[in-house]
Amino acid sequence: MKFDSNLPIYLQIMDYIKGLIISQELDKGEKLPSVRDLSTELKVNPNTIQRSYQELERENLVESKRGMGTFVTEDEQIIKRLKSTMASSWTNKFVNDM
């Protein structure tokens, strides 16, 4: 993953995970990689991954289960809302860039 220096890394990681959710590479109820595994894969500090997971949890897109890990929400409405929001955001960005 290539990071943009104009945007905080934790936000870019959040967008990456959101993209995985809406493309169904991560299905509802599926376990996310551990903080340590993802930090190694993306070559970032584990605290950055932890912050991304916490923010995703605040947005109700994931939930932490003590001792088990972090899982994608099973709430279909939240995922539909995410798809709609991301589609609007990408469309607006495309139009503005043109």
C-alpha atoms as a PDB file:
ATOM      1  CA  MET A   1       0.000   0.000   0.000  1.00  0.00           C
ATOM      2  CA  LYS A   2       1.298   3.434  -0.928  1.00  0.00           C
ATOM      3  CA  PHE A   3       0.544   6.218   1.516  1.00  0.00           C
ATOM      4  CA  ASP A   4      -0.282   9.820   0.631  1.00  0.00           C
ATOM      5  CA  SER A   5       1.766  12.238   2.728  1.00  0.00           C
ATOM      6  CA  ASN A   6      -1.103  14.769   2.694  1.00  0.00           C
ATOM      7  CA  LEU A   7      -3.477  12.553   4.686  1.00  0.00           C
ATOM      8  CA  PRO A   8      -2.960  10.839   8.071  1.00  0.00           C
ATOM      9  CA  ILE A   9      -1.999   7.189   7.663  1.00  0.00           C
ATOM     10  CA  TYR A  10      -4.722   5.935  10.016  1.00  0.00           C
ATOM     11  CA  LEU A  11      -7.384   7.518   7.772  1.00  0.00           C
ATOM     12  CA  GLN A  12      -5.855   5.894   4.706  1.00  0.00           C
ATOM     13  CA  ILE A  13      -5.900   2.532   6.471  1.00  0.00           C
ATOM     14  CA  MET A  14      -9.536   3.089   7.419  1.00  0.00           C
ATOM     15  CA  ASP A  15     -10.379   3.802   3.774  1.00  0.00           C
ATOM     16  CA  TYR A  16      -8.460   0.672   2.746  1.00  0.00           C
ATOM     17  CA  ILE A  17     -10.475  -1.483   5.156  1.00  0.00           C
ATOM     18  CA  LYS A  18     -13.731   0.189   4.125  1.00  0.00           C
ATOM     19  CA  GLY A  19     -12.866  -0.634   0.525  1.00  0.00           C
ATOM     20  CA  LEU A  20     -12.341  -4.278   1.480  1.00  0.00           C
ATOM     21  CA  ILE A  21     -15.732  -4.307   3.196  1.00  0.00           C
ATOM     22  CA  ILE A  22     -17.711  -2.779   0.325  1.00  0.00           C
ATOM     23  CA  SER A  23     -15.961  -4.970  -2.257  1.00  0.00           C
ATOM     24  CA  GLN A  24     -16.855  -7.954  -0.048  1.00  0.00           C
ATOM     25  CA  GLU A  25     -13.244  -9.050   0.255  1.00  0.00           C
ATOM     26  CA  LEU A  26     -14.111  -8.836   3.949  1.00  0.00           C
ATOM     27  CA  ASP A  27     -17.592 -10.281   4.473  1.00  0.00           C
ATOM     28  CA  LYS A  28     -19.892  -9.293   7.281  1.00  0.00           C
ATOM     29  CA  GLY A  29     -18.899 -11.038  10.472  1.00  0.00           C
ATOM     30  CA  GLU A  30     -15.413 -11.842   9.151  1.00  0.00           C
ATOM     31  CA  LYS A  31     -12.398 -11.390  11.400  1.00  0.00           C
ATOM     32  CA  LEU A  32      -9.963  -8.601  10.519  1.00  0.00           C
ATOM     33  CA  PRO A  33      -6.227  -9.289  10.621  1.00  0.00           C
ATOM     34  CA  SER A  34      -4.661  -8.787  14.028  1.00  0.00           C
ATOM     35  CA  VAL A  35      -3.125  -5.387  14.732  1.00  0.00           C
ATOM     36  CA  ARG A  36       0.330  -6.933  14.726  1.00  0.00           C
ATOM     37  CA  ASP A  37      -0.195  -8.817  11.439  1.00  0.00           C
ATOM     38  CA  LEU A  38      -1.614  -5.801   9.604  1.00  0.00           C
ATOM     39  CA  SER A  39       1.086  -3.480  10.935  1.00  0.00           C
ATOM     40  CA  THR A  40       3.730  -5.894   9.648  1.00  0.00           C
ATOM     41  CA  GLU A  41       1.995  -6.223   6.284  1.00  0.00           C
ATOM     42  CA  LEU A  42       1.586  -2.447   5.799  1.00  0.00           C
ATOM     43  CA  LYS A  43       4.889  -1.583   7.498  1.00  0.00           C
ATOM     44  CA  VAL A  44       3.354   0.900   9.946  1.00  0.00           C
ATOM     45  CA  ASN A  45       3.362   1.260  13.711  1.00  0.00           C
ATOM     46  CA  PRO A  46       0.848  -1.064  15.483  1.00  0.00           C
ATOM     47  CA  ASN A  47      -0.566   1.998  17.286  1.00  0.00           C
ATOM     48  CA  THR A  48      -1.607   3.395  13.904  1.00  0.00           C
ATOM     49  CA  ILE A  49      -3.515   0.197  13.086  1.00  0.00           C
ATOM     50  CA  GLN A  50      -5.073   0.223  16.550  1.00  0.00           C
ATOM     51  CA  ARG A  51      -6.274   3.783  16.020  1.00  0.00           C
ATOM     52  CA  SER A  52      -7.792   2.836  12.658  1.00  0.00           C
ATOM     53  CA  TYR A  53      -9.622  -0.090  14.257  1.00  0.00           C
ATOM     54  CA  GLN A  54     -10.886   2.140  17.086  1.00  0.00           C
ATOM     55  CA  GLU A  55     -12.220   4.724  14.626  1.00  0.00           C
ATOM     56  CA  LEU A  56     -13.906   2.004  12.548  1.00  0.00           C
ATOM     57  CA  GLU A  57     -15.484   0.720  15.743  1.00  0.00           C
ATOM     58  CA  ARG A  58     -16.779   4.213  16.556  1.00  0.00           C
ATOM     59  CA  GLU A  59     -18.392   4.225  13.105  1.00  0.00           C
ATOM     60  CA  ASN A  60     -19.951   0.825  13.961  1.00  0.00           C
ATOM     61  CA  LEU A  61     -18.276  -0.814  10.948  1.00  0.00           C
ATOM     62  CA  VAL A  62     -16.356  -3.279  13.113  1.00  0.00           C
ATOM     63  CA  GLU A  63     -16.700  -4.650  16.602  1.00  0.00           C
ATOM     64  CA  SER A  64     -14.074  -5.915  19.001  1.00  0.00           C
ATOM     65  CA  LYS A  65     -14.721  -9.125  20.852  1.00  0.00           C
ATOM     66  CA  ARG A  66     -12.526  -9.454  23.891  1.00  0.00           C
ATOM     67  CA  GLY A  67      -9.927 -12.170  23.437  1.00  0.00           C
ATOM     68  CA  MET A  68     -11.162 -13.013  19.936  1.00  0.00           C
ATOM     69  CA  GLY A  69     -10.261 -10.043  17.749  1.00  0.00           C
ATOM     70  CA  THR A  70     -11.987  -7.449  15.613  1.00  0.00           C
ATOM     71  CA  PHE A  71     -14.818  -8.399  13.273  1.00  0.00           C
ATOM     72  CA  VAL A  72     -16.732  -6.700  10.470  1.00  0.00           C
ATOM     73  CA  THR A  73     -20.241  -5.720  11.503  1.00  0.00           C
ATOM     74  CA  GLU A  74     -23.061  -8.055  10.553  1.00  0.00           C
ATOM     75  CA  ASP A  75     -25.519  -5.148  10.223  1.00  0.00           C
ATOM     76  CA  GLU A  76     -26.459  -5.001   6.538  1.00  0.00           C
ATOM     77  CA  GLN A  77     -27.851  -1.446   6.864  1.00  0.00           C
ATOM     78  CA  ILE A  78     -24.523  -0.075   8.080  1.00  0.00           C
ATOM     79  CA  ILE A  79     -22.726  -1.724   5.162  1.00  0.00           C
ATOM     80  CA  LYS A  80     -25.289  -0.366   2.666  1.00  0.00           C
ATOM     81  CA  ARG A  81     -24.840   3.112   4.130  1.00  0.00           C
ATOM     82  CA  LEU A  82     -21.069   2.759   3.817  1.00  0.00           C
ATOM     83  CA  LYS A  83     -21.392   1.751   0.152  1.00  0.00           C
ATOM     84  CA  SER A  84     -23.614   4.735  -0.554  1.00  0.00           C
ATOM     85  CA  THR A  85     -21.328   7.160   1.275  1.00  0.00           C
ATOM     86  CA  MET A  86     -18.186   5.841  -0.407  1.00  0.00           C
ATOM     87  CA  ALA A  87     -19.830   5.928  -3.861  1.00  0.00           C
ATOM     88  CA  SER A  88     -20.856   9.561  -3.344  1.00  0.00           C
ATOM     89  CA  SER A  89     -17.406  10.468  -2.081  1.00  0.00           C
ATOM     90  CA  TRP A  90     -15.647   8.801  -5.012  1.00  0.00           C
ATOM     91  CA  THR A  91     -18.055  10.401  -7.506  1.00  0.00           C
ATOM     92  CA  ASN A  92     -17.532  13.866  -6.036  1.00  0.00           C
ATOM     93  CA  LYS A  93     -13.759  13.398  -6.019  1.00  0.00           C
ATOM     94  CA  PHE A  94     -13.813  12.274  -9.651  1.00  0.00           C
ATOM     95  CA  VAL A  95     -15.937  15.246 -10.746  1.00  0.00           C
ATOM     96  CA  ASN A  96     -13.757  17.689  -8.832  1.00  0.00           C
ATOM     97  CA  ASP A  97     -10.585  16.209 -10.276  1.00  0.00           C
ATOM     98  CA  MET A  98     -11.937  16.531 -13.802  1.00  0.00           C
END
